[in-house]
N, C-alpha and C. Protein backbone atom coordinates (compact mmCIF):
# COMPACT_ATOMS: atom_id res chain seq x y z
N UNK A 1 122.25 102.95 105.31
CA UNK A 1 121.12 102.41 104.56
C UNK A 1 119.91 103.31 104.78
N UNK A 2 119.18 103.59 103.70
CA UNK A 2 117.99 104.44 103.83
C UNK A 2 116.91 103.79 104.69
N UNK A 3 116.02 104.62 105.19
CA UNK A 3 114.92 104.17 106.04
C UNK A 3 113.60 104.21 105.28
N UNK A 4 112.72 103.28 105.62
CA UNK A 4 111.35 103.31 105.14
C UNK A 4 110.59 104.24 106.08
N UNK A 5 110.05 105.32 105.54
CA UNK A 5 109.39 106.35 106.35
C UNK A 5 107.88 106.17 106.24
N UNK A 6 107.19 106.27 107.37
CA UNK A 6 105.73 106.12 107.39
C UNK A 6 105.06 107.22 106.57
N UNK A 7 104.04 106.82 105.81
CA UNK A 7 103.24 107.76 105.03
C UNK A 7 102.08 108.22 105.92
N UNK A 8 101.91 109.53 106.03
CA UNK A 8 100.82 110.08 106.83
C UNK A 8 99.48 109.76 106.16
N UNK A 9 98.47 109.53 106.98
CA UNK A 9 97.15 109.15 106.46
C UNK A 9 96.12 110.22 106.82
N UNK A 10 95.33 110.61 105.81
CA UNK A 10 94.23 111.55 105.99
C UNK A 10 93.32 111.05 107.10
N UNK A 11 92.90 111.91 108.02
CA UNK A 11 92.97 113.37 108.04
C UNK A 11 94.10 113.95 108.90
N UNK A 12 95.24 113.32 108.97
CA UNK A 12 96.36 113.81 109.77
C UNK A 12 96.60 115.30 109.46
N UNK A 13 96.58 116.16 110.48
CA UNK A 13 96.74 117.60 110.26
C UNK A 13 98.10 117.98 109.66
N UNK A 14 99.09 117.12 109.79
CA UNK A 14 100.41 117.43 109.21
C UNK A 14 100.37 117.45 107.68
N UNK A 15 99.34 116.84 107.09
CA UNK A 15 99.21 116.88 105.63
C UNK A 15 98.92 118.29 105.12
N UNK A 16 98.48 119.17 106.00
CA UNK A 16 98.13 120.53 105.62
C UNK A 16 99.23 121.53 105.94
N UNK A 17 100.38 121.03 106.34
CA UNK A 17 101.51 121.90 106.69
C UNK A 17 102.34 122.16 105.44
N UNK A 18 102.69 123.44 105.22
CA UNK A 18 103.55 123.78 104.09
C UNK A 18 104.98 123.36 104.37
N UNK A 19 105.65 122.92 103.34
CA UNK A 19 107.04 122.49 103.46
C UNK A 19 107.97 123.69 103.62
N UNK A 20 109.07 123.46 104.30
CA UNK A 20 110.13 124.47 104.42
C UNK A 20 111.01 124.39 103.18
N UNK A 21 111.44 125.54 102.67
CA UNK A 21 112.34 125.54 101.52
C UNK A 21 113.70 124.97 101.91
N UNK A 22 114.31 124.30 100.98
CA UNK A 22 115.65 123.75 101.18
C UNK A 22 116.66 124.84 100.86
N UNK A 23 117.58 125.08 101.79
CA UNK A 23 118.61 126.10 101.56
C UNK A 23 119.82 125.53 100.84
N UNK A 24 120.23 124.31 101.17
CA UNK A 24 121.40 123.70 100.55
C UNK A 24 121.03 122.27 100.14
N UNK A 25 120.77 122.10 98.85
CA UNK A 25 120.34 120.79 98.35
C UNK A 25 121.39 119.72 98.54
N UNK A 26 122.64 120.10 98.66
CA UNK A 26 123.71 119.11 98.78
C UNK A 26 124.06 118.77 100.24
N UNK A 27 123.39 119.41 101.19
CA UNK A 27 123.66 119.13 102.61
C UNK A 27 123.39 117.66 102.92
N UNK A 28 124.17 117.10 103.81
CA UNK A 28 124.04 115.67 104.14
C UNK A 28 122.65 115.32 104.65
N UNK A 29 122.05 116.19 105.49
CA UNK A 29 120.72 115.88 106.01
C UNK A 29 119.68 115.88 104.90
N UNK A 30 119.82 116.77 103.93
CA UNK A 30 118.89 116.82 102.80
C UNK A 30 119.07 115.57 101.94
N UNK A 31 120.31 115.18 101.69
CA UNK A 31 120.57 113.98 100.90
C UNK A 31 120.01 112.73 101.59
N UNK A 32 120.10 112.69 102.92
CA UNK A 32 119.54 111.55 103.67
C UNK A 32 118.02 111.50 103.53
N UNK A 33 117.37 112.67 103.57
CA UNK A 33 115.92 112.73 103.38
C UNK A 33 115.56 112.22 101.98
N UNK A 34 116.30 112.66 100.98
CA UNK A 34 116.04 112.22 99.60
C UNK A 34 116.21 110.71 99.48
N UNK A 35 117.28 110.18 100.06
CA UNK A 35 117.49 108.72 100.03
C UNK A 35 116.34 107.98 100.69
N UNK A 36 115.88 108.48 101.85
CA UNK A 36 114.75 107.86 102.54
C UNK A 36 113.48 107.94 101.70
N UNK A 37 113.29 109.08 101.02
CA UNK A 37 112.10 109.25 100.19
C UNK A 37 112.11 108.28 99.01
N UNK A 38 113.25 108.16 98.33
CA UNK A 38 113.34 107.21 97.21
C UNK A 38 113.15 105.78 97.70
N UNK A 39 113.72 105.45 98.83
CA UNK A 39 113.58 104.10 99.39
C UNK A 39 112.11 103.81 99.71
N UNK A 40 111.44 104.79 100.31
CA UNK A 40 110.01 104.63 100.64
C UNK A 40 109.19 104.52 99.36
N UNK A 41 109.48 105.35 98.38
CA UNK A 41 108.77 105.31 97.09
C UNK A 41 108.93 103.95 96.43
N UNK A 42 110.14 103.46 96.37
CA UNK A 42 110.42 102.19 95.70
C UNK A 42 109.84 100.99 96.44
N UNK A 43 109.59 101.13 97.74
CA UNK A 43 109.09 100.02 98.54
C UNK A 43 107.62 100.16 98.94
N UNK A 44 106.92 101.07 98.27
CA UNK A 44 105.49 101.25 98.49
C UNK A 44 104.77 100.85 97.21
N UNK A 45 104.03 99.75 97.23
CA UNK A 45 103.36 99.28 96.01
C UNK A 45 102.44 100.35 95.41
N UNK A 46 102.46 100.44 94.10
CA UNK A 46 101.59 101.35 93.33
C UNK A 46 101.81 102.82 93.63
N UNK A 47 102.97 103.18 94.12
CA UNK A 47 103.28 104.57 94.45
C UNK A 47 104.08 105.19 93.31
N UNK A 48 103.57 106.30 92.75
CA UNK A 48 104.24 106.96 91.64
C UNK A 48 105.02 108.19 92.07
N UNK A 49 104.69 108.74 93.24
CA UNK A 49 105.38 109.93 93.71
C UNK A 49 105.08 110.20 95.17
N UNK A 50 105.99 110.92 95.81
CA UNK A 50 105.81 111.30 97.21
C UNK A 50 106.33 112.71 97.43
N UNK A 51 105.70 113.42 98.33
CA UNK A 51 106.20 114.72 98.79
C UNK A 51 106.64 114.55 100.24
N UNK A 52 107.66 115.30 100.63
CA UNK A 52 108.18 115.18 102.00
C UNK A 52 107.10 115.45 103.04
N UNK A 53 106.13 116.29 102.72
CA UNK A 53 105.06 116.61 103.67
C UNK A 53 104.09 115.46 103.88
N UNK A 54 104.15 114.45 103.04
CA UNK A 54 103.32 113.25 103.21
C UNK A 54 103.95 112.25 104.16
N UNK A 55 105.20 112.46 104.48
CA UNK A 55 105.95 111.48 105.25
C UNK A 55 106.19 111.97 106.66
N UNK A 56 106.44 111.02 107.55
CA UNK A 56 106.59 111.32 108.97
C UNK A 56 107.99 111.87 109.28
N UNK A 57 108.28 113.06 108.71
CA UNK A 57 109.51 113.78 109.00
C UNK A 57 109.19 114.89 110.00
N UNK A 58 110.12 115.19 110.90
CA UNK A 58 109.90 116.24 111.90
C UNK A 58 109.69 117.61 111.25
N UNK A 59 110.54 117.98 110.32
CA UNK A 59 110.44 119.26 109.62
C UNK A 59 110.52 119.02 108.12
N UNK A 60 109.39 118.69 107.49
CA UNK A 60 109.44 118.33 106.07
C UNK A 60 109.92 119.49 105.20
N UNK A 61 110.80 119.17 104.28
CA UNK A 61 111.36 120.14 103.35
C UNK A 61 110.62 120.06 102.02
N UNK A 62 110.84 121.07 101.18
CA UNK A 62 110.17 121.15 99.88
C UNK A 62 110.86 120.22 98.88
N UNK A 63 110.62 118.93 99.06
CA UNK A 63 111.23 117.91 98.21
C UNK A 63 110.13 116.95 97.76
N UNK A 64 110.13 116.62 96.48
CA UNK A 64 109.23 115.59 95.99
C UNK A 64 110.04 114.63 95.12
N UNK A 65 109.67 113.37 95.15
CA UNK A 65 110.34 112.36 94.33
C UNK A 65 109.28 111.64 93.50
N UNK A 66 109.63 111.35 92.25
CA UNK A 66 108.72 110.70 91.32
C UNK A 66 109.41 109.48 90.73
N UNK A 67 108.67 108.43 90.55
CA UNK A 67 109.21 107.17 90.05
C UNK A 67 109.51 107.25 88.55
N UNK A 68 110.75 106.99 88.17
CA UNK A 68 111.16 106.81 86.76
C UNK A 68 110.80 107.96 85.83
N UNK A 69 110.89 109.19 86.30
CA UNK A 69 110.56 110.31 85.44
C UNK A 69 111.62 111.41 85.50
N UNK A 70 112.88 111.06 85.38
CA UNK A 70 113.92 112.08 85.43
C UNK A 70 113.92 112.88 84.13
N UNK A 71 114.55 114.04 84.17
CA UNK A 71 114.59 114.89 82.98
C UNK A 71 115.35 114.22 81.84
N UNK A 72 116.19 113.24 82.13
CA UNK A 72 116.86 112.52 81.05
C UNK A 72 116.30 111.11 80.85
N UNK A 73 115.25 110.77 81.60
CA UNK A 73 114.55 109.50 81.40
C UNK A 73 115.24 108.26 81.93
N UNK A 74 116.30 108.41 82.71
CA UNK A 74 117.06 107.24 83.14
C UNK A 74 116.89 106.86 84.60
N UNK A 75 116.36 107.75 85.40
CA UNK A 75 116.25 107.44 86.83
C UNK A 75 115.09 108.22 87.44
N UNK A 76 114.68 107.87 88.63
CA UNK A 76 113.61 108.63 89.27
C UNK A 76 113.98 110.11 89.39
N UNK A 77 112.97 110.93 89.42
CA UNK A 77 113.15 112.39 89.43
C UNK A 77 113.00 112.93 90.85
N UNK A 78 113.91 113.79 91.24
CA UNK A 78 113.84 114.49 92.51
C UNK A 78 113.71 115.97 92.21
N UNK A 79 112.68 116.62 92.76
CA UNK A 79 112.48 118.06 92.59
C UNK A 79 112.56 118.71 93.97
N UNK A 80 113.48 119.66 94.10
CA UNK A 80 113.66 120.38 95.36
C UNK A 80 113.21 121.82 95.14
N UNK A 81 112.39 122.34 96.07
CA UNK A 81 111.81 123.68 95.97
C UNK A 81 111.11 123.89 94.62
N UNK A 82 110.27 122.95 94.18
CA UNK A 82 109.65 123.08 92.86
C UNK A 82 108.62 124.20 92.80
N UNK A 83 108.62 124.90 91.67
CA UNK A 83 107.64 125.95 91.40
C UNK A 83 107.15 125.74 89.97
N UNK A 84 105.84 125.68 89.81
CA UNK A 84 105.27 125.55 88.47
C UNK A 84 105.27 126.95 87.86
N UNK A 85 106.04 127.12 86.77
CA UNK A 85 106.20 128.45 86.18
C UNK A 85 105.34 128.64 84.94
N UNK A 86 104.86 127.56 84.36
CA UNK A 86 103.93 127.63 83.23
C UNK A 86 102.92 126.50 83.36
N UNK A 87 101.69 126.82 83.02
CA UNK A 87 100.63 125.80 83.02
C UNK A 87 99.64 126.16 81.92
N UNK A 88 99.28 125.17 81.12
CA UNK A 88 98.32 125.43 80.06
C UNK A 88 97.46 124.20 79.79
N UNK A 89 96.33 124.45 79.15
CA UNK A 89 95.41 123.37 78.85
C UNK A 89 94.74 122.85 80.11
N UNK A 90 93.91 121.85 79.92
CA UNK A 90 93.20 121.27 81.06
C UNK A 90 93.03 119.77 80.86
N UNK A 91 93.13 119.06 81.95
CA UNK A 91 92.81 117.63 81.97
C UNK A 91 91.96 117.38 83.21
N UNK A 92 91.13 116.38 83.13
CA UNK A 92 90.26 116.03 84.25
C UNK A 92 90.34 114.51 84.41
N UNK A 93 91.41 114.08 85.03
CA UNK A 93 91.70 112.65 85.15
C UNK A 93 91.53 112.17 86.58
N UNK A 94 91.37 110.87 86.71
CA UNK A 94 91.23 110.26 88.03
C UNK A 94 92.56 110.34 88.79
N UNK A 95 92.45 110.65 90.08
CA UNK A 95 93.61 110.72 90.96
C UNK A 95 93.35 109.93 92.22
N UNK A 96 94.42 109.42 92.75
CA UNK A 96 94.41 108.82 94.07
C UNK A 96 95.59 109.39 94.83
N UNK A 97 95.73 108.98 96.07
CA UNK A 97 96.82 109.52 96.89
C UNK A 97 97.20 108.48 97.93
N UNK A 98 98.49 108.29 98.13
CA UNK A 98 98.95 107.32 99.12
C UNK A 98 98.51 107.69 100.53
N UNK A 99 98.18 108.96 100.76
CA UNK A 99 97.74 109.41 102.08
C UNK A 99 96.23 109.33 102.26
N UNK A 100 95.50 109.06 101.18
CA UNK A 100 94.03 109.08 101.25
C UNK A 100 93.48 107.74 100.75
N UNK A 101 93.67 106.70 101.55
CA UNK A 101 93.12 105.38 101.27
C UNK A 101 93.22 105.04 99.77
N UNK A 102 94.46 104.85 99.28
CA UNK A 102 94.70 104.74 97.84
C UNK A 102 93.99 103.59 97.14
N UNK A 103 93.65 102.54 97.84
CA UNK A 103 92.97 101.42 97.17
C UNK A 103 91.48 101.67 97.01
N UNK A 104 90.93 102.58 97.85
CA UNK A 104 89.47 102.77 97.83
C UNK A 104 89.01 104.13 97.31
N UNK A 105 89.83 105.16 97.42
CA UNK A 105 89.37 106.51 97.10
C UNK A 105 90.12 107.05 95.88
N UNK A 106 89.35 107.35 94.82
CA UNK A 106 89.87 107.97 93.60
C UNK A 106 88.82 108.94 93.10
N UNK A 107 89.24 110.08 92.59
CA UNK A 107 88.31 111.07 92.05
C UNK A 107 88.94 111.78 90.86
N UNK A 108 88.09 112.29 89.99
CA UNK A 108 88.57 113.12 88.88
C UNK A 108 88.90 114.51 89.41
N UNK A 109 90.05 115.02 89.01
CA UNK A 109 90.53 116.33 89.46
C UNK A 109 90.97 117.12 88.23
N UNK A 110 90.53 118.39 88.16
CA UNK A 110 90.95 119.26 87.06
C UNK A 110 92.34 119.80 87.35
N UNK A 111 93.21 119.65 86.38
CA UNK A 111 94.58 120.14 86.48
C UNK A 111 95.02 120.61 85.09
N UNK A 112 96.13 121.34 85.06
CA UNK A 112 96.70 121.76 83.78
C UNK A 112 97.19 120.53 83.02
N UNK A 113 97.05 120.58 81.70
CA UNK A 113 97.47 119.45 80.86
C UNK A 113 98.97 119.45 80.61
N UNK A 114 99.56 120.65 80.57
CA UNK A 114 100.99 120.79 80.32
C UNK A 114 101.56 121.81 81.31
N UNK A 115 102.73 121.49 81.84
CA UNK A 115 103.36 122.40 82.80
C UNK A 115 104.87 122.47 82.55
N UNK A 116 105.44 123.54 83.07
CA UNK A 116 106.89 123.64 83.21
C UNK A 116 107.15 123.92 84.68
N UNK A 117 108.02 123.14 85.27
CA UNK A 117 108.36 123.31 86.69
C UNK A 117 109.84 123.65 86.79
N UNK A 118 110.15 124.63 87.63
CA UNK A 118 111.54 124.98 87.91
C UNK A 118 111.85 124.46 89.31
N UNK A 119 113.00 123.81 89.45
CA UNK A 119 113.38 123.23 90.74
C UNK A 119 114.89 123.03 90.77
N UNK A 120 115.35 122.56 91.89
CA UNK A 120 116.73 122.09 92.00
C UNK A 120 116.70 120.58 91.91
N UNK A 121 117.72 119.99 91.29
CA UNK A 121 117.84 118.54 91.35
C UNK A 121 118.59 118.17 92.63
N UNK A 122 118.83 116.92 92.86
CA UNK A 122 119.44 116.53 94.14
C UNK A 122 120.89 116.98 94.27
N UNK A 123 121.48 117.48 93.19
CA UNK A 123 122.85 117.98 93.23
C UNK A 123 122.89 119.50 93.36
N UNK A 124 121.71 120.13 93.50
CA UNK A 124 121.63 121.57 93.66
C UNK A 124 121.61 122.35 92.36
N UNK A 125 121.53 121.66 91.24
CA UNK A 125 121.49 122.31 89.93
C UNK A 125 120.05 122.71 89.60
N UNK A 126 119.87 123.94 89.13
CA UNK A 126 118.55 124.40 88.71
C UNK A 126 118.17 123.71 87.41
N UNK A 127 116.96 123.16 87.40
CA UNK A 127 116.45 122.51 86.19
C UNK A 127 115.07 123.08 85.87
N UNK A 128 114.71 123.04 84.61
CA UNK A 128 113.34 123.30 84.18
C UNK A 128 112.87 122.04 83.49
N UNK A 129 111.74 121.54 83.94
CA UNK A 129 111.23 120.25 83.47
C UNK A 129 109.86 120.48 82.87
N UNK A 130 109.68 120.10 81.61
CA UNK A 130 108.38 120.20 80.95
C UNK A 130 107.69 118.85 81.04
N UNK A 131 106.41 118.89 81.35
CA UNK A 131 105.67 117.63 81.47
C UNK A 131 104.26 117.83 80.92
N UNK A 132 103.67 116.73 80.49
CA UNK A 132 102.28 116.79 80.05
C UNK A 132 101.57 115.51 80.47
N UNK A 133 100.25 115.56 80.41
CA UNK A 133 99.44 114.39 80.74
C UNK A 133 99.67 113.89 82.15
N UNK A 134 99.88 112.58 82.25
CA UNK A 134 100.00 111.94 83.56
C UNK A 134 101.11 112.54 84.42
N UNK A 135 102.28 112.78 83.82
CA UNK A 135 103.41 113.30 84.59
C UNK A 135 103.11 114.72 85.07
N UNK A 136 102.47 115.53 84.24
CA UNK A 136 102.08 116.88 84.66
C UNK A 136 101.12 116.81 85.84
N UNK A 137 100.17 115.90 85.76
CA UNK A 137 99.22 115.71 86.86
C UNK A 137 99.95 115.30 88.13
N UNK A 138 100.86 114.36 88.00
CA UNK A 138 101.60 113.85 89.15
C UNK A 138 102.43 114.96 89.82
N UNK A 139 103.12 115.75 89.02
CA UNK A 139 103.92 116.84 89.59
C UNK A 139 103.02 117.85 90.29
N UNK A 140 101.90 118.21 89.67
CA UNK A 140 100.98 119.17 90.30
C UNK A 140 100.44 118.62 91.62
N UNK A 141 100.13 117.34 91.65
CA UNK A 141 99.64 116.69 92.87
C UNK A 141 100.68 116.80 93.98
N UNK A 142 101.94 116.50 93.66
CA UNK A 142 103.00 116.53 94.68
C UNK A 142 103.32 117.97 95.10
N UNK A 143 103.30 118.91 94.18
CA UNK A 143 103.54 120.32 94.54
C UNK A 143 102.41 120.81 95.45
N UNK A 144 101.17 120.38 95.19
CA UNK A 144 100.08 120.71 96.11
C UNK A 144 100.42 120.24 97.53
N UNK A 145 100.91 119.01 97.66
CA UNK A 145 101.29 118.51 98.99
C UNK A 145 102.31 119.44 99.65
N UNK A 146 103.31 119.86 98.90
CA UNK A 146 104.34 120.73 99.47
C UNK A 146 103.76 122.08 99.91
N UNK A 147 102.65 122.47 99.28
CA UNK A 147 101.97 123.71 99.65
C UNK A 147 100.88 123.50 100.70
N UNK A 148 100.84 122.31 101.30
CA UNK A 148 99.88 122.04 102.36
C UNK A 148 98.47 121.76 101.89
N UNK A 149 98.36 121.25 100.67
CA UNK A 149 97.04 120.99 100.09
C UNK A 149 96.97 119.55 99.61
N UNK A 150 95.83 118.90 99.86
CA UNK A 150 95.61 117.55 99.32
C UNK A 150 94.55 117.63 98.22
N UNK A 151 94.54 116.63 97.36
CA UNK A 151 93.68 116.71 96.18
C UNK A 151 92.20 116.80 96.53
N UNK A 152 91.80 116.31 97.70
CA UNK A 152 90.39 116.42 98.09
C UNK A 152 89.93 117.87 98.16
N UNK A 153 90.84 118.78 98.46
CA UNK A 153 90.50 120.20 98.54
C UNK A 153 90.20 120.80 97.17
N UNK A 154 90.50 120.11 96.12
CA UNK A 154 90.19 120.58 94.77
C UNK A 154 88.81 120.09 94.31
N UNK A 155 88.12 119.35 95.16
CA UNK A 155 86.81 118.80 94.83
C UNK A 155 85.70 119.66 95.41
N UNK A 156 84.49 119.47 94.89
CA UNK A 156 83.33 120.19 95.42
C UNK A 156 83.05 119.73 96.85
N UNK A 157 82.34 120.56 97.58
CA UNK A 157 81.97 120.21 98.96
C UNK A 157 81.15 118.93 98.99
N UNK A 158 80.27 118.74 98.01
CA UNK A 158 79.44 117.54 97.96
C UNK A 158 80.31 116.29 97.77
N UNK A 159 81.26 116.35 96.84
CA UNK A 159 82.15 115.20 96.63
C UNK A 159 82.97 114.91 97.88
N UNK A 160 83.46 115.97 98.53
CA UNK A 160 84.25 115.77 99.75
C UNK A 160 83.40 115.12 100.84
N UNK A 161 82.15 115.54 100.96
CA UNK A 161 81.26 114.96 101.97
C UNK A 161 81.04 113.47 101.69
N UNK A 162 80.84 113.12 100.42
CA UNK A 162 80.66 111.71 100.05
C UNK A 162 81.92 110.89 100.36
N UNK A 163 83.07 111.46 100.05
CA UNK A 163 84.34 110.77 100.33
C UNK A 163 84.52 110.59 101.82
N UNK A 164 84.22 111.61 102.60
CA UNK A 164 84.35 111.49 104.06
C UNK A 164 83.43 110.41 104.61
N UNK A 165 82.22 110.27 104.04
CA UNK A 165 81.32 109.19 104.45
C UNK A 165 81.92 107.83 104.11
N UNK A 166 82.50 107.73 102.93
CA UNK A 166 83.13 106.48 102.51
C UNK A 166 84.31 106.15 103.42
N UNK A 167 85.11 107.14 103.76
CA UNK A 167 86.25 106.93 104.65
C UNK A 167 85.78 106.49 106.03
N UNK A 168 84.69 107.08 106.50
CA UNK A 168 84.15 106.69 107.81
C UNK A 168 83.76 105.21 107.80
N UNK A 169 83.13 104.77 106.70
CA UNK A 169 82.77 103.35 106.59
C UNK A 169 84.02 102.46 106.57
N UNK A 170 85.05 102.90 105.84
CA UNK A 170 86.29 102.12 105.75
C UNK A 170 86.94 102.00 107.12
N UNK A 171 87.00 103.10 107.85
CA UNK A 171 87.71 103.10 109.14
C UNK A 171 86.89 102.51 110.27
N UNK A 172 85.58 102.39 110.08
CA UNK A 172 84.72 101.79 111.12
C UNK A 172 84.69 100.27 111.04
N UNK A 173 85.23 99.72 109.97
CA UNK A 173 85.20 98.26 109.79
C UNK A 173 86.16 97.59 110.75
């Protein structure tokens, strides 16, 4: 049975660690991580996606899972070693993050409006997935996590300072 894995909370330094590439997507340990990630995703209210680097894994791999957005539209999407190979247009939509006080902290973040991502699926097959709008934003957000970056780093220093003040108030209560 899969495990519910703890989600790391900002400012945990592990959120800034880059993920290790997956060498064999079909390996049993990788499949167990994917199962745990989907289980955690499905059992975390209001969660649309997770990256392995957001979770309390000893050596997080380059895996992200997204709720109900598979390339064929029938099941959640798993992207292993994802790389955004095309990006165009711009959107500036509100974002939140399960690692950054998701009920209280949301900010507008500039991202590409349309992307193509190349990755392995959970069976080790190379896929190219085109996304736009919300799904494009979500994939970019999760790929940032795998690269050791959180969405707050895409904001101005002034916005980050205001958010840090708000977080201090939240955590001092």
